[in-house]
Amino acid sequence: MAGYNSIMIRIREIIDPELRKKIVAKLAERRGCSAGAIPDWFELDDADYVDLLNDMKEEDPELDPRYDPRM
């Protein structure tokens, strides 16, 4: 596709420490390694990042923006 630049997200660029930890854990699970084996400089393209977030959302309903604990 001409002119398409995939956005890359480095693990260290994820500001929320809890989210970063969850992303690393999920990525390690997918790759069959320990979370410690995933370096901070590891890059995910935008599609992989969204896939990880969607997988996490399915496992933890509180990550769904429509989640309301009052209901």
C-alpha atoms as a PDB file:
ATOM      1  CA  MET A   1       0.000   0.000   0.000  1.00  0.00           C
ATOM      2  CA  ALA A   2       1.654   3.225  -1.098  1.00  0.00           C
ATOM      3  CA  GLY A   3       2.121   5.869   1.570  1.00  0.00           C
ATOM      4  CA  TYR A   4       1.111   3.664   4.486  1.00  0.00           C
ATOM      5  CA  ASN A   5       3.300   3.970   7.566  1.00  0.00           C
ATOM      6  CA  SER A   6       2.606   1.596  10.379  1.00  0.00           C
ATOM      7  CA  ILE A   7       2.756   3.187  13.815  1.00  0.00           C
ATOM      8  CA  MET A   8       5.164   1.459  16.172  1.00  0.00           C
ATOM      9  CA  ILE A   9       4.675   1.493  19.937  1.00  0.00           C
ATOM     10  CA  ARG A  10       7.611   0.737  22.202  1.00  0.00           C
ATOM     11  CA  ILE A  11       6.906  -0.959  25.524  1.00  0.00           C
ATOM     12  CA  ARG A  12       8.721   1.846  27.371  1.00  0.00           C
ATOM     13  CA  GLU A  13       6.396   4.411  25.773  1.00  0.00           C
ATOM     14  CA  ILE A  14       3.349   3.015  27.581  1.00  0.00           C
ATOM     15  CA  ILE A  15       2.977   5.526  30.420  1.00  0.00           C
ATOM     16  CA  ASP A  16       0.607   3.605  32.717  1.00  0.00           C
ATOM     17  CA  PRO A  17       2.798   1.123  34.651  1.00  0.00           C
ATOM     18  CA  GLU A  18      -0.077  -1.306  35.266  1.00  0.00           C
ATOM     19  CA  LEU A  19      -1.053  -1.352  31.595  1.00  0.00           C
ATOM     20  CA  ARG A  20       2.604  -1.769  30.589  1.00  0.00           C
ATOM     21  CA  LYS A  21       2.919  -4.740  32.953  1.00  0.00           C
ATOM     22  CA  LYS A  22      -0.264  -6.341  31.567  1.00  0.00           C
ATOM     23  CA  ILE A  23       0.833  -5.789  27.956  1.00  0.00           C
ATOM     24  CA  VAL A  24       4.242  -7.347  28.637  1.00  0.00           C
ATOM     25  CA  ALA A  25       2.638 -10.323  30.401  1.00  0.00           C
ATOM     26  CA  LYS A  26       0.173 -10.899  27.552  1.00  0.00           C
ATOM     27  CA  LEU A  27       2.907 -10.525  24.940  1.00  0.00           C
ATOM     28  CA  ALA A  28       5.123 -12.988  26.807  1.00  0.00           C
ATOM     29  CA  GLU A  29       2.225 -15.448  27.008  1.00  0.00           C
ATOM     30  CA  ARG A  30       1.715 -15.190  23.235  1.00  0.00           C
ATOM     31  CA  ARG A  31       5.414 -15.637  22.508  1.00  0.00           C
ATOM     32  CA  GLY A  32       5.848 -18.501  24.977  1.00  0.00           C
ATOM     33  CA  CYS A  33       8.484 -16.803  27.106  1.00  0.00           C
ATOM     34  CA  SER A  34       8.764 -15.044  30.450  1.00  0.00           C
ATOM     35  CA  ALA A  35       7.817 -11.395  30.866  1.00  0.00           C
ATOM     36  CA  GLY A  36      11.432 -10.673  31.807  1.00  0.00           C
ATOM     37  CA  ALA A  37      12.507 -11.722  28.312  1.00  0.00           C
ATOM     38  CA  ILE A  38      10.538  -8.855  26.723  1.00  0.00           C
ATOM     39  CA  PRO A  39      12.828  -5.792  26.566  1.00  0.00           C
ATOM     40  CA  ASP A  40      11.581  -2.228  27.141  1.00  0.00           C
ATOM     41  CA  TRP A  41      12.637  -1.290  23.615  1.00  0.00           C
ATOM     42  CA  PHE A  42      10.397  -4.011  22.096  1.00  0.00           C
ATOM     43  CA  GLU A  43       8.148  -2.512  19.423  1.00  0.00           C
ATOM     44  CA  LEU A  44       4.575  -3.446  18.573  1.00  0.00           C
ATOM     45  CA  ASP A  45       2.839  -2.185  15.491  1.00  0.00           C
ATOM     46  CA  ASP A  46      -0.549  -0.606  16.030  1.00  0.00           C
ATOM     47  CA  ALA A  47      -2.436  -3.741  14.943  1.00  0.00           C
ATOM     48  CA  ASP A  48      -0.543  -6.001  17.367  1.00  0.00           C
ATOM     49  CA  TYR A  49      -1.084  -3.513  20.184  1.00  0.00           C
ATOM     50  CA  VAL A  50      -4.822  -3.402  19.516  1.00  0.00           C
ATOM     51  CA  ASP A  51      -4.965  -7.219  19.354  1.00  0.00           C
ATOM     52  CA  LEU A  52      -3.298  -7.434  22.778  1.00  0.00           C
ATOM     53  CA  LEU A  53      -5.701  -4.859  24.221  1.00  0.00           C
ATOM     54  CA  ASN A  54      -8.698  -6.716  22.796  1.00  0.00           C
ATOM     55  CA  ASP A  55      -7.470 -10.022  24.250  1.00  0.00           C
ATOM     56  CA  MET A  56      -7.013  -8.359  27.633  1.00  0.00           C
ATOM     57  CA  LYS A  57     -10.465  -6.771  27.434  1.00  0.00           C
ATOM     58  CA  GLU A  58     -12.057 -10.176  26.864  1.00  0.00           C
ATOM     59  CA  GLU A  59     -10.328 -11.533  29.973  1.00  0.00           C
ATOM     60  CA  ASP A  60     -10.925  -8.501  32.216  1.00  0.00           C
ATOM     61  CA  PRO A  61     -14.268  -6.700  31.776  1.00  0.00           C
ATOM     62  CA  GLU A  62     -13.002  -3.708  33.769  1.00  0.00           C
ATOM     63  CA  LEU A  63     -10.769  -2.810  30.808  1.00  0.00           C
ATOM     64  CA  ASP A  64     -13.855  -2.309  28.649  1.00  0.00           C
ATOM     65  CA  PRO A  65     -14.660   1.436  28.553  1.00  0.00           C
ATOM     66  CA  ARG A  66     -18.355   0.573  28.754  1.00  0.00           C
ATOM     67  CA  TYR A  67     -17.800  -1.246  32.047  1.00  0.00           C
ATOM     68  CA  ASP A  68     -19.725   0.348  34.883  1.00  0.00           C
ATOM     69  CA  PRO A  69     -19.204  -1.272  38.299  1.00  0.00           C
ATOM     70  CA  ARG A  70     -22.499   0.208  39.512  1.00  0.00           C
ATOM     71  CA  MET A  71     -24.454  -2.178  37.307  1.00  0.00           C
END
